[in-house]
C-alpha atoms as a PDB file:
ATOM      1  CA  UNK A   1      29.458  -6.941 -17.882  1.00  0.00           C
ATOM      2  CA  UNK A   2      29.485 -10.302 -19.961  1.00  0.00           C
ATOM      3  CA  UNK A   3      31.145 -10.547 -23.194  1.00  0.00           C
ATOM      4  CA  UNK A   4      28.916 -13.239 -24.415  1.00  0.00           C
ATOM      5  CA  UNK A   5      26.813 -12.509 -27.155  1.00  0.00           C
ATOM      6  CA  UNK A   6      23.571 -10.681 -26.042  1.00  0.00           C
ATOM      7  CA  UNK A   7      24.885 -10.151 -22.401  1.00  0.00           C
ATOM      8  CA  UNK A   8      24.860  -6.630 -21.881  1.00  0.00           C
ATOM      9  CA  UNK A   9      21.747  -6.527 -23.979  1.00  0.00           C
ATOM     10  CA  UNK A  10      20.034  -8.773 -21.739  1.00  0.00           C
ATOM     11  CA  UNK A  11      21.519  -7.048 -18.945  1.00  0.00           C
ATOM     12  CA  UNK A  12      20.178  -3.431 -19.815  1.00  0.00           C
ATOM     13  CA  UNK A  13      16.800  -5.455 -20.279  1.00  0.00           C
ATOM     14  CA  UNK A  14      16.772  -6.813 -16.986  1.00  0.00           C
ATOM     15  CA  UNK A  15      17.779  -3.344 -15.394  1.00  0.00           C
ATOM     16  CA  UNK A  16      15.023  -1.908 -17.141  1.00  0.00           C
ATOM     17  CA  UNK A  17      12.367  -4.854 -15.979  1.00  0.00           C
ATOM     18  CA  UNK A  18      13.732  -4.345 -12.123  1.00  0.00           C
ATOM     19  CA  UNK A  19      13.126  -0.465 -12.343  1.00  0.00           C
ATOM     20  CA  UNK A  20       9.558  -1.048 -13.936  1.00  0.00           C
ATOM     21  CA  UNK A  21       8.697  -3.502 -11.237  1.00  0.00           C
ATOM     22  CA  UNK A  22      10.367  -1.031  -8.330  1.00  0.00           C
ATOM     23  CA  UNK A  23       8.048   1.934  -9.922  1.00  0.00           C
ATOM     24  CA  UNK A  24       4.838  -0.317  -9.241  1.00  0.00           C
ATOM     25  CA  UNK A  25       6.396  -1.391  -6.137  1.00  0.00           C
ATOM     26  CA  UNK A  26       6.372   2.249  -4.861  1.00  0.00           C
ATOM     27  CA  UNK A  27       2.818   2.820  -6.443  1.00  0.00           C
ATOM     28  CA  UNK A  28       1.058  -0.115  -4.256  1.00  0.00           C
ATOM     29  CA  UNK A  29       2.558   0.879  -1.298  1.00  0.00           C
ATOM     30  CA  UNK A  30       1.775   4.411  -1.702  1.00  0.00           C
ATOM     31  CA  UNK A  31      -1.853   2.599  -2.055  1.00  0.00           C
ATOM     32  CA  UNK A  32      -1.564   0.291   0.745  1.00  0.00           C
ATOM     33  CA  UNK A  33      -0.721   3.433   3.054  1.00  0.00           C
ATOM     34  CA  UNK A  34      -3.807   4.832   1.906  1.00  0.00           C
ATOM     35  CA  UNK A  35      -6.136   2.044   2.200  1.00  0.00           C
ATOM     36  CA  UNK A  36      -4.446   2.144   5.797  1.00  0.00           C
ATOM     37  CA  UNK A  37      -5.547   5.689   6.519  1.00  0.00           C
ATOM     38  CA  UNK A  38      -9.057   4.677   4.928  1.00  0.00           C
ATOM     39  CA  UNK A  39      -9.372   1.860   7.346  1.00  0.00           C
ATOM     40  CA  UNK A  40      -8.155   3.280  10.435  1.00  0.00           C
ATOM     41  CA  UNK A  41     -11.086   6.254   9.667  1.00  0.00           C
ATOM     42  CA  UNK A  42     -13.380   3.824   9.181  1.00  0.00           C
ATOM     43  CA  UNK A  43     -12.659   1.720  12.380  1.00  0.00           C
ATOM     44  CA  UNK A  44     -12.883   5.378  14.240  1.00  0.00           C
ATOM     45  CA  UNK A  45     -16.085   6.117  13.017  1.00  0.00           C
ATOM     46  CA  UNK A  46     -17.472   2.520  14.068  1.00  0.00           C
ATOM     47  CA  UNK A  47     -16.070   3.417  17.654  1.00  0.00           C
ATOM     48  CA  UNK A  48     -18.039   6.802  17.625  1.00  0.00           C
ATOM     49  CA  UNK A  49     -20.907   5.384  16.638  1.00  0.00           C
ATOM     50  CA  UNK A  50     -20.831   2.585  19.239  1.00  0.00           C
ATOM     51  CA  UNK A  51     -20.269   5.089  21.543  1.00  0.00           C
ATOM     52  CA  UNK A  52     -23.520   6.633  20.647  1.00  0.00           C
ATOM     53  CA  UNK A  53     -25.652   3.633  22.530  1.00  0.00           C
ATOM     54  CA  UNK A  54     -24.112   5.067  25.924  1.00  0.00           C
ATOM     55  CA  UNK A  55     -23.879   8.506  24.951  1.00  0.00           C
ATOM     56  CA  UNK A  56     -27.438  11.078  26.136  1.00  0.00           C
ATOM     57  CA  UNK A  57     -29.181  13.195  24.136  1.00  0.00           C
ATOM     58  CA  UNK A  58     -27.825  17.098  24.958  1.00  0.00           C
ATOM     59  CA  UNK A  59     -24.446  15.380  26.189  1.00  0.00           C
ATOM     60  CA  UNK A  60     -21.414  17.710  25.329  1.00  0.00           C
ATOM     61  CA  UNK A  61     -19.106  16.012  23.089  1.00  0.00           C
ATOM     62  CA  UNK A  62     -15.756  16.825  20.965  1.00  0.00           C
ATOM     63  CA  UNK A  63     -16.418  17.046  17.339  1.00  0.00           C
ATOM     64  CA  UNK A  64     -13.601  16.292  15.241  1.00  0.00           C
ATOM     65  CA  UNK A  65     -12.955  19.275  12.542  1.00  0.00           C
ATOM     66  CA  UNK A  66     -10.138  17.577  11.045  1.00  0.00           C
ATOM     67  CA  UNK A  67      -6.376  17.348  11.400  1.00  0.00           C
ATOM     68  CA  UNK A  68      -6.466  16.056  14.739  1.00  0.00           C
ATOM     69  CA  UNK A  69      -8.412  19.222  16.143  1.00  0.00           C
ATOM     70  CA  UNK A  70     -11.413  19.325  17.560  1.00  0.00           C
ATOM     71  CA  UNK A  71     -14.651  21.773  18.826  1.00  0.00           C
ATOM     72  CA  UNK A  72     -16.781  21.282  21.565  1.00  0.00           C
ATOM     73  CA  UNK A  73     -20.729  20.596  20.767  1.00  0.00           C
ATOM     74  CA  UNK A  74     -24.084  18.942  22.217  1.00  0.00           C
ATOM     75  CA  UNK A  75     -25.354  15.772  21.174  1.00  0.00           C
ATOM     76  CA  UNK A  76     -28.574  16.741  18.970  1.00  0.00           C
ATOM     77  CA  UNK A  77     -29.066  13.304  18.347  1.00  0.00           C
ATOM     78  CA  UNK A  78     -28.113   9.571  19.011  1.00  0.00           C
ATOM     79  CA  UNK A  79     -29.949   7.835  16.464  1.00  0.00           C
ATOM     80  CA  UNK A  80     -29.047   9.631  12.916  1.00  0.00           C
ATOM     81  CA  UNK A  81     -25.716   9.103  11.231  1.00  0.00           C
ATOM     82  CA  UNK A  82     -24.557  11.542   8.272  1.00  0.00           C
ATOM     83  CA  UNK A  83     -22.402   9.484   5.734  1.00  0.00           C
ATOM     84  CA  UNK A  84     -20.494  10.849   2.855  1.00  0.00           C
ATOM     85  CA  UNK A  85     -21.523   8.306   0.027  1.00  0.00           C
ATOM     86  CA  UNK A  86     -18.475   9.974  -2.232  1.00  0.00           C
ATOM     87  CA  UNK A  87     -18.839  13.050  -4.832  1.00  0.00           C
ATOM     88  CA  UNK A  88     -19.315  15.418  -1.984  1.00  0.00           C
ATOM     89  CA  UNK A  89     -23.155  14.180  -1.446  1.00  0.00           C
ATOM     90  CA  UNK A  90     -23.721  12.608   2.168  1.00  0.00           C
ATOM     91  CA  UNK A  91     -26.937  10.764   2.960  1.00  0.00           C
ATOM     92  CA  UNK A  92     -28.426  10.338   6.912  1.00  0.00           C
ATOM     93  CA  UNK A  93     -29.389   7.069   7.911  1.00  0.00           C
ATOM     94  CA  UNK A  94     -29.865   5.708  11.521  1.00  0.00           C
ATOM     95  CA  UNK A  95     -26.999   4.756  13.771  1.00  0.00           C
ATOM     96  CA  UNK A  96     -27.858   0.645  13.295  1.00  0.00           C
ATOM     97  CA  UNK A  97     -27.533   1.038   9.200  1.00  0.00           C
ATOM     98  CA  UNK A  98     -24.722   3.510   9.122  1.00  0.00           C
ATOM     99  CA  UNK A  99     -22.808   0.834  11.226  1.00  0.00           C
ATOM    100  CA  UNK A 100     -23.291  -1.620   8.874  1.00  0.00           C
ATOM    101  CA  UNK A 101     -22.931   0.715   5.758  1.00  0.00           C
ATOM    102  CA  UNK A 102     -19.282   1.371   7.536  1.00  0.00           C
ATOM    103  CA  UNK A 103     -18.379  -2.082   8.444  1.00  0.00           C
ATOM    104  CA  UNK A 104     -19.253  -3.252   4.938  1.00  0.00           C
ATOM    105  CA  UNK A 105     -16.857  -0.385   3.548  1.00  0.00           C
ATOM    106  CA  UNK A 106     -14.247  -1.475   5.852  1.00  0.00           C
ATOM    107  CA  UNK A 107     -14.308  -5.415   4.690  1.00  0.00           C
ATOM    108  CA  UNK A 108     -13.902  -3.712   1.315  1.00  0.00           C
ATOM    109  CA  UNK A 109     -11.201  -1.597   2.484  1.00  0.00           C
ATOM    110  CA  UNK A 110      -9.052  -4.677   3.546  1.00  0.00           C
ATOM    111  CA  UNK A 111      -9.818  -6.982   0.954  1.00  0.00           C
ATOM    112  CA  UNK A 112      -8.401  -4.635  -1.349  1.00  0.00           C
ATOM    113  CA  UNK A 113      -5.586  -4.000   0.878  1.00  0.00           C
ATOM    114  CA  UNK A 114      -4.969  -8.061   0.802  1.00  0.00           C
ATOM    115  CA  UNK A 115      -5.225  -7.853  -3.155  1.00  0.00           C
ATOM    116  CA  UNK A 116      -2.676  -4.896  -3.289  1.00  0.00           C
ATOM    117  CA  UNK A 117      -0.349  -7.281  -0.777  1.00  0.00           C
ATOM    118  CA  UNK A 118      -0.611 -10.368  -2.885  1.00  0.00           C
ATOM    119  CA  UNK A 119       0.456  -7.917  -6.257  1.00  0.00           C
ATOM    120  CA  UNK A 120       3.308  -6.351  -4.467  1.00  0.00           C
ATOM    121  CA  UNK A 121       4.453 -10.118  -3.079  1.00  0.00           C
ATOM    122  CA  UNK A 122       4.078 -11.332  -6.849  1.00  0.00           C
ATOM    123  CA  UNK A 123       6.307  -8.135  -7.735  1.00  0.00           C
ATOM    124  CA  UNK A 124       9.218  -8.898  -4.792  1.00  0.00           C
ATOM    125  CA  UNK A 125       9.419 -12.339  -6.221  1.00  0.00           C
ATOM    126  CA  UNK A 126      10.017 -11.295  -9.855  1.00  0.00           C
ATOM    127  CA  UNK A 127      12.277  -8.893  -8.771  1.00  0.00           C
ATOM    128  CA  UNK A 128      14.319 -10.971  -6.612  1.00  0.00           C
ATOM    129  CA  UNK A 129      14.733 -13.525  -9.637  1.00  0.00           C
ATOM    130  CA  UNK A 130      16.087 -10.706 -11.788  1.00  0.00           C
ATOM    131  CA  UNK A 131      18.475 -10.047  -8.809  1.00  0.00           C
ATOM    132  CA  UNK A 132      19.926 -13.313  -8.679  1.00  0.00           C
ATOM    133  CA  UNK A 133      20.244 -13.413 -12.826  1.00  0.00           C
ATOM    134  CA  UNK A 134      21.971 -10.127 -12.814  1.00  0.00           C
ATOM    135  CA  UNK A 135      24.130 -11.620  -9.480  1.00  0.00           C
ATOM    136  CA  UNK A 136      24.698 -14.902 -12.021  1.00  0.00           C
ATOM    137  CA  UNK A 137      26.147 -12.320 -14.650  1.00  0.00           C
ATOM    138  CA  UNK A 138      27.824 -10.353 -12.337  1.00  0.00           C
ATOM    139  CA  UNK A 139      29.701 -13.452 -11.093  1.00  0.00           C
ATOM    140  CA  UNK A 140      30.137 -14.685 -14.487  1.00  0.00           C
ATOM    141  CA  UNK A 141      31.773 -11.673 -15.957  1.00  0.00           C
ATOM    142  CA  UNK A 142      34.015 -11.391 -12.831  1.00  0.00           C
ATOM    143  CA  UNK A 143      35.599 -14.973 -13.419  1.00  0.00           C
ATOM    144  CA  UNK A 144      35.855 -14.201 -16.935  1.00  0.00           C
ATOM    145  CA  UNK A 145      37.847 -11.207 -16.161  1.00  0.00           C
ATOM    146  CA  UNK A 146      40.041 -13.039 -13.907  1.00  0.00           C
ATOM    147  CA  UNK A 147      40.654 -15.780 -16.263  1.00  0.00           C
ATOM    148  CA  UNK A 148      41.900 -13.234 -18.760  1.00  0.00           C
ATOM    149  CA  UNK A 149      44.105 -11.572 -16.350  1.00  0.00           C
ATOM    150  CA  UNK A 150      45.134 -15.070 -15.280  1.00  0.00           C
ATOM    151  CA  UNK A 151      46.154 -15.966 -19.085  1.00  0.00           C
ATOM    152  CA  UNK A 152      47.627 -12.537 -20.211  1.00  0.00           C
ATOM    153  CA  UNK A 153      50.220 -13.399 -17.058  1.00  0.00           C
ATOM    154  CA  UNK A 154      51.136 -16.338 -18.488  1.00  0.00           C
ATOM    155  CA  UNK A 155      52.334 -14.919 -21.983  1.00  0.00           C
ATOM    156  CA  UNK A 156      54.853 -12.550 -20.153  1.00  0.00           C
END
C-alpha cells in the first residue's frame, strides 16, 4: 500500500466502490437473464399463435404443461387465445389481438434488456477505471518499496 497520506484510505474506498459495482453488475446480469427467458417465452407464444393459421379445429396437438413436458390434446378453437395479464388474471383475446399484445410485450422486454445492457456497460467502465487506479497504486507502492530497499543497501 502507498505510504502517501490518505493512500491506504483511498485504496479502501476504491475497493468498497468496486465491490458495490460488482454487486450491481451481478444483479443486472440476473435481470438480463430473466429478460432473455421472458423474451424467449414470448417468442414461443408468438410462433404458436402463428401456427394456428395452418391448424385445423379438432387437430391433435401437444399442449405444454411446464418444464418441457406436454400432454396430447385437440384444438377446440383457433380463434381465441387466453393471455395472462398478471396477478393471476387471464383474458381471452382473438388470435390477432393476442399476437399484437405479445409483440408489444416482447418489444418492451427487449427495450428493457437494452437499457440494462447500457447500465451494465457503464458499470463495467467504472470498474475498469477503479482497476486502473488500483494498478497505479500498486505500481507506486512497488516502486516505493524498491527505493527503500535500494536505499537501505547503500547504508550498509
